[in-house]
Amino acid sequence: MADREQILAEMATARDNLIAAVEGLSDEHMTRPVVGEWSAKDLMAHVACWEEVLLPDIQRLARGDAPALAAFDIKKVDEWNEKLMSLRRHFSLEQARRELEFRREQLLDAVAKLPDSALAERQFARNLLKVCVIHDGEHTQDIRDWRKRQGL
């Protein structure tokens, strides 16, 4: 399987798993705390937010420009998460769902403009997209674990 098809398949599977993790939850359950104070709704908004953050770098790379996130200090990720989510926690459940879908569509549109070479192993664009796969997986597991504890 070519690099492009492989990463796109991994992204699709991870997102399908995230959607399946919240499937069947009532609106009320979607807004209950799952991880700390964050609900499943908040986790969806959070995942969408990070795709929004990654999008400009994918677009930069498609233009042949340098990515900004290459200088990101991973030690500050919790601080970033709090700041970014402070702007999104008030989103309605429907908006969180739309954001998750819309940001992924935007990201996939940008990925389609990347040269194949940008999606090869160890390339920055591919690493950013692998972050999306891992991120979806982490929060899918958070929701699954919460559902198990709640008997849902």
N, C-alpha and C. Protein backbone atom coordinates (compact mmCIF):
# COMPACT_ATOMS: atom_id res chain seq x y z
N MET A 1 0.85 -1.18 0.00
CA MET A 1 0.00 0.00 0.00
C MET A 1 0.90 1.24 0.00
N ALA A 2 0.56 2.19 -0.83
CA ALA A 2 1.34 3.43 -0.91
C ALA A 2 1.19 4.23 0.38
N ASP A 3 2.18 5.09 0.63
CA ASP A 3 2.19 5.89 1.86
C ASP A 3 0.90 6.69 2.04
N ARG A 4 0.44 7.34 0.97
CA ARG A 4 -0.77 8.17 1.04
C ARG A 4 -1.97 7.31 1.45
N GLU A 5 -2.17 6.22 0.76
CA GLU A 5 -3.31 5.36 1.06
C GLU A 5 -3.24 4.78 2.47
N GLN A 6 -2.02 4.46 2.90
CA GLN A 6 -1.86 3.89 4.24
C GLN A 6 -2.24 4.89 5.32
N ILE A 7 -1.70 6.09 5.25
CA ILE A 7 -2.01 7.07 6.29
C ILE A 7 -3.48 7.48 6.25
N LEU A 8 -4.05 7.60 5.06
CA LEU A 8 -5.48 7.94 4.96
C LEU A 8 -6.35 6.84 5.53
N ALA A 9 -5.96 5.59 5.29
CA ALA A 9 -6.71 4.46 5.85
C ALA A 9 -6.62 4.45 7.37
N GLU A 10 -5.42 4.72 7.90
CA GLU A 10 -5.24 4.76 9.35
C GLU A 10 -6.08 5.89 9.95
N MET A 11 -6.10 7.03 9.30
CA MET A 11 -6.90 8.16 9.79
C MET A 11 -8.39 7.82 9.78
N ALA A 12 -8.84 7.18 8.70
CA ALA A 12 -10.26 6.83 8.59
C ALA A 12 -10.65 5.82 9.66
N THR A 13 -9.82 4.82 9.87
CA THR A 13 -10.12 3.80 10.89
C THR A 13 -10.17 4.42 12.28
N ALA A 14 -9.19 5.26 12.58
CA ALA A 14 -9.15 5.90 13.90
C ALA A 14 -10.38 6.77 14.12
N ARG A 15 -10.79 7.51 13.09
CA ARG A 15 -11.97 8.37 13.23
C ARG A 15 -13.23 7.53 13.34
N ASP A 16 -13.34 6.47 12.55
CA ASP A 16 -14.49 5.59 12.66
C ASP A 16 -14.60 5.02 14.07
N ASN A 17 -13.47 4.67 14.66
CA ASN A 17 -13.47 4.14 16.02
C ASN A 17 -13.93 5.19 17.03
N LEU A 18 -13.50 6.44 16.84
CA LEU A 18 -13.92 7.52 17.74
C LEU A 18 -15.43 7.73 17.64
N ILE A 19 -15.93 7.76 16.43
CA ILE A 19 -17.38 7.94 16.23
C ILE A 19 -18.14 6.77 16.85
N ALA A 20 -17.64 5.56 16.66
CA ALA A 20 -18.29 4.38 17.23
C ALA A 20 -18.28 4.43 18.75
N ALA A 21 -17.24 5.01 19.34
CA ALA A 21 -17.15 5.08 20.80
C ALA A 21 -18.25 5.93 21.41
N VAL A 22 -18.73 6.93 20.68
CA VAL A 22 -19.80 7.79 21.21
C VAL A 22 -21.18 7.39 20.69
N GLU A 23 -21.20 6.48 19.74
CA GLU A 23 -22.47 6.07 19.15
C GLU A 23 -23.40 5.49 20.21
N GLY A 24 -24.63 5.93 20.17
CA GLY A 24 -25.63 5.44 21.09
C GLY A 24 -25.69 6.17 22.43
N LEU A 25 -24.74 7.07 22.67
CA LEU A 25 -24.80 7.84 23.92
C LEU A 25 -25.87 8.91 23.80
N SER A 26 -26.61 9.10 24.86
CA SER A 26 -27.60 10.17 24.88
C SER A 26 -26.89 11.51 24.94
N ASP A 27 -27.63 12.56 24.61
CA ASP A 27 -27.06 13.91 24.71
C ASP A 27 -26.58 14.18 26.13
N GLU A 28 -27.33 13.70 27.09
CA GLU A 28 -26.97 13.91 28.49
C GLU A 28 -25.65 13.19 28.83
N HIS A 29 -25.50 11.95 28.35
CA HIS A 29 -24.26 11.22 28.59
C HIS A 29 -23.08 11.88 27.89
N MET A 30 -23.32 12.48 26.73
CA MET A 30 -22.25 13.12 25.97
C MET A 30 -21.66 14.32 26.70
N THR A 31 -22.40 14.85 27.66
CA THR A 31 -21.93 16.04 28.36
C THR A 31 -21.46 15.74 29.80
N ARG A 32 -21.43 14.48 30.17
CA ARG A 32 -20.90 14.08 31.48
C ARG A 32 -19.38 13.99 31.42
N PRO A 33 -18.71 14.28 32.53
CA PRO A 33 -17.24 14.17 32.54
C PRO A 33 -16.77 12.75 32.22
N VAL A 34 -15.79 12.68 31.35
CA VAL A 34 -15.18 11.41 30.93
C VAL A 34 -13.74 11.35 31.44
N VAL A 35 -12.98 12.41 31.18
CA VAL A 35 -11.58 12.53 31.60
C VAL A 35 -11.46 13.86 32.33
N GLY A 36 -11.23 13.81 33.63
CA GLY A 36 -11.22 15.04 34.41
C GLY A 36 -12.57 15.72 34.26
N GLU A 37 -12.57 16.98 33.85
CA GLU A 37 -13.81 17.73 33.63
C GLU A 37 -14.32 17.60 32.20
N TRP A 38 -13.53 16.98 31.32
CA TRP A 38 -13.88 16.93 29.90
C TRP A 38 -14.87 15.81 29.61
N SER A 39 -15.92 16.18 28.93
CA SER A 39 -16.96 15.23 28.50
C SER A 39 -16.59 14.65 27.13
N ALA A 40 -17.38 13.70 26.66
CA ALA A 40 -17.19 13.17 25.31
C ALA A 40 -17.35 14.30 24.28
N LYS A 41 -18.29 15.20 24.53
CA LYS A 41 -18.46 16.36 23.66
C LYS A 41 -17.19 17.20 23.64
N ASP A 42 -16.62 17.44 24.80
CA ASP A 42 -15.38 18.22 24.89
C ASP A 42 -14.23 17.50 24.19
N LEU A 43 -14.17 16.19 24.33
CA LEU A 43 -13.11 15.44 23.67
C LEU A 43 -13.23 15.55 22.15
N MET A 44 -14.45 15.52 21.65
CA MET A 44 -14.65 15.69 20.20
C MET A 44 -14.21 17.09 19.77
N ALA A 45 -14.57 18.10 20.53
CA ALA A 45 -14.16 19.47 20.20
C ALA A 45 -12.64 19.60 20.28
N HIS A 46 -12.04 18.94 21.24
CA HIS A 46 -10.59 18.96 21.42
C HIS A 46 -9.88 18.32 20.22
N VAL A 47 -10.35 17.17 19.79
CA VAL A 47 -9.76 16.49 18.63
C VAL A 47 -9.89 17.38 17.40
N ALA A 48 -11.07 17.94 17.20
CA ALA A 48 -11.28 18.84 16.06
C ALA A 48 -10.37 20.06 16.14
N CYS A 49 -10.19 20.57 17.34
CA CYS A 49 -9.35 21.74 17.55
C CYS A 49 -7.92 21.48 17.11
N TRP A 50 -7.39 20.31 17.47
CA TRP A 50 -6.01 20.01 17.09
C TRP A 50 -5.88 19.83 15.59
N GLU A 51 -6.92 19.32 14.94
CA GLU A 51 -6.87 19.24 13.48
C GLU A 51 -6.89 20.65 12.88
N GLU A 52 -7.62 21.54 13.53
CA GLU A 52 -7.62 22.95 13.12
C GLU A 52 -6.22 23.56 13.28
N VAL A 53 -5.53 23.19 14.34
CA VAL A 53 -4.18 23.69 14.58
C VAL A 53 -3.19 23.11 13.56
N LEU A 54 -3.35 21.85 13.21
CA LEU A 54 -2.45 21.20 12.25
C LEU A 54 -2.66 21.66 10.81
N LEU A 55 -3.88 22.04 10.49
CA LEU A 55 -4.25 22.36 9.12
C LEU A 55 -3.32 23.38 8.45
N PRO A 56 -3.02 24.51 9.07
CA PRO A 56 -2.14 25.47 8.38
C PRO A 56 -0.76 24.90 8.04
N ASP A 57 -0.24 24.01 8.88
CA ASP A 57 1.06 23.42 8.55
C ASP A 57 0.96 22.46 7.37
N ILE A 58 -0.11 21.72 7.28
CA ILE A 58 -0.30 20.84 6.11
C ILE A 58 -0.39 21.71 4.86
N GLN A 59 -1.11 22.83 4.95
CA GLN A 59 -1.21 23.74 3.82
C GLN A 59 0.15 24.36 3.50
N ARG A 60 0.91 24.73 4.51
CA ARG A 60 2.26 25.27 4.30
C ARG A 60 3.13 24.25 3.56
N LEU A 61 3.10 23.03 4.03
CA LEU A 61 3.92 21.99 3.42
C LEU A 61 3.51 21.73 1.98
N ALA A 62 2.21 21.82 1.69
CA ALA A 62 1.74 21.64 0.30
C ALA A 62 2.28 22.75 -0.61
N ARG A 63 2.50 23.94 -0.03
CA ARG A 63 3.06 25.07 -0.80
C ARG A 63 4.58 25.02 -0.86
N GLY A 64 5.17 24.10 -0.11
CA GLY A 64 6.62 24.03 -0.06
C GLY A 64 7.23 24.92 1.01
N ASP A 65 6.39 25.43 1.91
CA ASP A 65 6.86 26.31 2.98
C ASP A 65 7.20 25.51 4.23
N ALA A 66 7.89 26.16 5.15
CA ALA A 66 8.27 25.53 6.42
C ALA A 66 7.07 25.50 7.37
N PRO A 67 6.92 24.41 8.12
CA PRO A 67 5.82 24.32 9.10
C PRO A 67 6.14 25.09 10.37
N ALA A 68 5.12 25.67 10.97
CA ALA A 68 5.29 26.40 12.23
C ALA A 68 5.40 25.44 13.41
N LEU A 69 4.66 24.34 13.38
CA LEU A 69 4.64 23.43 14.53
C LEU A 69 5.95 22.69 14.75
N ALA A 70 6.86 22.79 13.81
CA ALA A 70 8.16 22.15 14.00
C ALA A 70 8.86 22.74 15.23
N ALA A 71 8.47 23.96 15.61
CA ALA A 71 9.07 24.62 16.77
C ALA A 71 8.23 24.46 18.04
N PHE A 72 7.16 23.67 17.98
CA PHE A 72 6.27 23.48 19.12
C PHE A 72 6.99 22.76 20.26
N ASP A 73 6.84 23.27 21.45
CA ASP A 73 7.43 22.65 22.65
C ASP A 73 6.40 21.69 23.24
N ILE A 74 6.61 20.41 23.03
CA ILE A 74 5.65 19.39 23.47
C ILE A 74 5.43 19.42 24.98
N LYS A 75 6.37 19.97 25.72
CA LYS A 75 6.21 20.08 27.17
C LYS A 75 5.08 21.03 27.54
N LYS A 76 4.66 21.85 26.59
CA LYS A 76 3.60 22.83 26.85
C LYS A 76 2.24 22.39 26.33
N VAL A 77 2.11 21.12 25.96
CA VAL A 77 0.87 20.65 25.35
C VAL A 77 -0.32 20.78 26.29
N ASP A 78 -0.14 20.51 27.57
CA ASP A 78 -1.27 20.62 28.50
C ASP A 78 -1.74 22.07 28.61
N GLU A 79 -0.79 22.98 28.65
CA GLU A 79 -1.12 24.41 28.69
C GLU A 79 -1.88 24.82 27.43
N TRP A 80 -1.41 24.36 26.29
CA TRP A 80 -2.09 24.65 25.02
C TRP A 80 -3.51 24.09 25.03
N ASN A 81 -3.63 22.84 25.47
CA ASN A 81 -4.95 22.20 25.50
C ASN A 81 -5.93 23.02 26.33
N GLU A 82 -5.49 23.46 27.49
CA GLU A 82 -6.37 24.26 28.35
C GLU A 82 -6.77 25.57 27.67
N LYS A 83 -5.82 26.24 27.06
CA LYS A 83 -6.13 27.50 26.38
C LYS A 83 -7.08 27.29 25.22
N LEU A 84 -6.76 26.31 24.39
CA LEU A 84 -7.59 26.06 23.21
C LEU A 84 -9.00 25.61 23.60
N MET A 85 -9.09 24.76 24.60
CA MET A 85 -10.40 24.27 25.01
C MET A 85 -11.20 25.32 25.78
N SER A 86 -10.53 26.28 26.41
CA SER A 86 -11.27 27.34 27.09
C SER A 86 -12.11 28.14 26.09
N LEU A 87 -11.72 28.10 24.83
CA LEU A 87 -12.46 28.79 23.77
C LEU A 87 -13.55 27.92 23.15
N ARG A 88 -13.61 26.64 23.54
CA ARG A 88 -14.52 25.70 22.88
C ARG A 88 -15.45 24.94 23.82
N ARG A 89 -15.22 25.03 25.11
CA ARG A 89 -16.03 24.24 26.05
C ARG A 89 -17.50 24.62 26.00
N HIS A 90 -17.80 25.84 25.57
CA HIS A 90 -19.19 26.28 25.51
C HIS A 90 -19.91 25.80 24.24
N PHE A 91 -19.19 25.14 23.33
CA PHE A 91 -19.84 24.64 22.11
C PHE A 91 -20.97 23.69 22.47
N SER A 92 -22.02 23.77 21.71
CA SER A 92 -23.11 22.80 21.88
C SER A 92 -22.64 21.44 21.37
N LEU A 93 -23.37 20.41 21.72
CA LEU A 93 -23.04 19.07 21.24
C LEU A 93 -23.09 19.03 19.72
N GLU A 94 -24.09 19.64 19.14
CA GLU A 94 -24.20 19.65 17.67
C GLU A 94 -23.02 20.38 17.04
N GLN A 95 -22.60 21.48 17.63
CA GLN A 95 -21.46 22.19 17.08
C GLN A 95 -20.19 21.35 17.20
N ALA A 96 -20.01 20.68 18.32
CA ALA A 96 -18.83 19.82 18.49
C ALA A 96 -18.81 18.73 17.43
N ARG A 97 -19.96 18.15 17.14
CA ARG A 97 -20.05 17.12 16.09
C ARG A 97 -19.72 17.71 14.72
N ARG A 98 -20.28 18.88 14.43
CA ARG A 98 -20.00 19.53 13.14
C ARG A 98 -18.53 19.87 13.01
N GLU A 99 -17.94 20.40 14.09
CA GLU A 99 -16.53 20.76 14.06
C GLU A 99 -15.67 19.54 13.77
N LEU A 100 -15.98 18.42 14.41
CA LEU A 100 -15.21 17.20 14.21
C LEU A 100 -15.26 16.78 12.74
N GLU A 101 -16.43 16.83 12.16
CA GLU A 101 -16.59 16.44 10.75
C GLU A 101 -15.94 17.47 9.82
N PHE A 102 -16.19 18.74 10.06
CA PHE A 102 -15.71 19.81 9.18
C PHE A 102 -14.19 19.91 9.19
N ARG A 103 -13.59 19.84 10.37
CA ARG A 103 -12.13 19.94 10.45
C ARG A 103 -11.47 18.77 9.74
N ARG A 104 -12.05 17.58 9.86
CA ARG A 104 -11.49 16.43 9.16
C ARG A 104 -11.60 16.61 7.64
N GLU A 105 -12.73 17.12 7.18
CA GLU A 105 -12.89 17.38 5.74
C GLU A 105 -11.83 18.37 5.26
N GLN A 106 -11.63 19.44 6.03
CA GLN A 106 -10.62 20.43 5.66
C GLN A 106 -9.23 19.81 5.63
N LEU A 107 -8.93 19.00 6.62
CA LEU A 107 -7.62 18.38 6.69
C LEU A 107 -7.41 17.44 5.50
N LEU A 108 -8.40 16.66 5.17
CA LEU A 108 -8.27 15.74 4.04
C LEU A 108 -8.13 16.50 2.72
N ASP A 109 -8.83 17.61 2.58
CA ASP A 109 -8.66 18.45 1.38
C ASP A 109 -7.23 18.95 1.28
N ALA A 110 -6.65 19.36 2.40
CA ALA A 110 -5.27 19.85 2.41
C ALA A 110 -4.29 18.71 2.12
N VAL A 111 -4.54 17.54 2.68
CA VAL A 111 -3.67 16.38 2.45
C VAL A 111 -3.67 16.02 0.96
N ALA A 112 -4.80 16.15 0.32
CA ALA A 112 -4.88 15.83 -1.11
C ALA A 112 -3.94 16.70 -1.95
N LYS A 113 -3.57 17.86 -1.43
CA LYS A 113 -2.68 18.77 -2.16
C LYS A 113 -1.21 18.53 -1.86
N LEU A 114 -0.92 17.65 -0.91
CA LEU A 114 0.47 17.35 -0.58
C LEU A 114 1.09 16.46 -1.65
N PRO A 115 2.35 16.69 -1.94
CA PRO A 115 3.03 15.75 -2.84
C PRO A 115 3.20 14.41 -2.12
N ASP A 116 3.27 13.33 -2.88
CA ASP A 116 3.44 12.01 -2.28
C ASP A 116 4.67 11.95 -1.39
N SER A 117 5.72 12.66 -1.76
CA SER A 117 6.96 12.62 -0.98
C SER A 117 6.76 13.14 0.44
N ALA A 118 5.80 14.03 0.64
CA ALA A 118 5.53 14.59 1.98
C ALA A 118 4.87 13.57 2.91
N LEU A 119 4.36 12.49 2.32
CA LEU A 119 3.66 11.48 3.12
C LEU A 119 4.48 10.22 3.34
N ALA A 120 5.73 10.27 2.94
CA ALA A 120 6.61 9.13 3.16
C ALA A 120 6.96 9.05 4.65
N GLU A 121 7.39 7.87 5.08
CA GLU A 121 7.79 7.67 6.47
C GLU A 121 8.81 8.73 6.89
N ARG A 122 8.69 9.20 8.12
CA ARG A 122 9.58 10.16 8.77
C ARG A 122 9.48 11.58 8.20
N GLN A 123 8.53 11.83 7.33
CA GLN A 123 8.33 13.19 6.84
C GLN A 123 7.41 13.93 7.81
N PHE A 124 7.60 15.23 7.96
CA PHE A 124 6.86 16.01 8.95
C PHE A 124 5.35 15.92 8.74
N ALA A 125 4.90 16.02 7.50
CA ALA A 125 3.45 15.95 7.23
C ALA A 125 2.89 14.62 7.69
N ARG A 126 3.58 13.54 7.38
CA ARG A 126 3.11 12.23 7.80
C ARG A 126 3.08 12.14 9.33
N ASN A 127 4.11 12.68 9.97
CA ASN A 127 4.13 12.67 11.43
C ASN A 127 2.95 13.44 12.02
N LEU A 128 2.61 14.57 11.42
CA LEU A 128 1.44 15.32 11.89
C LEU A 128 0.17 14.49 11.76
N LEU A 129 0.05 13.79 10.65
CA LEU A 129 -1.15 12.99 10.42
C LEU A 129 -1.18 11.77 11.34
N LYS A 130 -0.01 11.24 11.67
CA LYS A 130 0.05 10.14 12.64
C LYS A 130 -0.41 10.63 14.02
N VAL A 131 -0.12 11.89 14.32
CA VAL A 131 -0.60 12.47 15.57
C VAL A 131 -2.13 12.43 15.60
N CYS A 132 -2.77 12.71 14.47
CA CYS A 132 -4.23 12.64 14.39
C CYS A 132 -4.73 11.22 14.69
N VAL A 133 -4.05 10.23 14.13
CA VAL A 133 -4.42 8.83 14.35
C VAL A 133 -4.28 8.49 15.84
N ILE A 134 -3.15 8.84 16.40
CA ILE A 134 -2.89 8.55 17.81
C ILE A 134 -3.87 9.30 18.71
N HIS A 135 -4.11 10.56 18.38
CA HIS A 135 -5.01 11.40 19.18
C HIS A 135 -6.42 10.82 19.19
N ASP A 136 -6.93 10.46 18.00
CA ASP A 136 -8.24 9.83 17.94
C ASP A 136 -8.26 8.57 18.80
N GLY A 137 -7.19 7.77 18.69
CA GLY A 137 -7.12 6.52 19.44
C GLY A 137 -7.11 6.72 20.95
N GLU A 138 -6.35 7.72 21.40
CA GLU A 138 -6.29 8.00 22.84
C GLU A 138 -7.67 8.36 23.39
N HIS A 139 -8.36 9.22 22.68
CA HIS A 139 -9.65 9.67 23.20
C HIS A 139 -10.76 8.66 22.94
N THR A 140 -10.60 7.83 21.93
CA THR A 140 -11.51 6.70 21.76
C THR A 140 -11.41 5.80 22.98
N GLN A 141 -10.19 5.51 23.39
CA GLN A 141 -10.00 4.64 24.55
C GLN A 141 -10.52 5.29 25.83
N ASP A 142 -10.32 6.60 25.97
CA ASP A 142 -10.88 7.31 27.13
C ASP A 142 -12.38 7.11 27.22
N ILE A 143 -13.05 7.26 26.08
CA ILE A 143 -14.51 7.14 26.05
C ILE A 143 -14.93 5.70 26.30
N ARG A 144 -14.25 4.76 25.68
CA ARG A 144 -14.57 3.33 25.90
C ARG A 144 -14.39 2.95 27.37
N ASP A 145 -13.30 3.39 27.97
CA ASP A 145 -13.06 3.10 29.38
C ASP A 145 -14.14 3.71 30.26
N TRP A 146 -14.51 4.95 29.98
CA TRP A 146 -15.57 5.62 30.74
C TRP A 146 -16.89 4.86 30.59
N ARG A 147 -17.21 4.49 29.34
CA ARG A 147 -18.48 3.75 29.11
C ARG A 147 -18.48 2.46 29.91
N LYS A 148 -17.36 1.80 29.95
CA LYS A 148 -17.28 0.54 30.70
C LYS A 148 -17.51 0.79 32.19
N ARG A 149 -16.87 1.84 32.71
CA ARG A 149 -17.05 2.16 34.13
C ARG A 149 -18.51 2.55 34.43
N GLN A 150 -19.16 3.18 33.47
CA GLN A 150 -20.55 3.63 33.66
C GLN A 150 -21.57 2.54 33.33
N GLY A 151 -21.11 1.44 32.76
CA GLY A 151 -22.03 0.37 32.35
C GLY A 151 -22.83 0.76 31.11
N LEU A 152 -22.23 1.58 30.26
CA LEU A 152 -22.90 2.02 29.04
C LEU A 152 -22.34 1.26 27.86
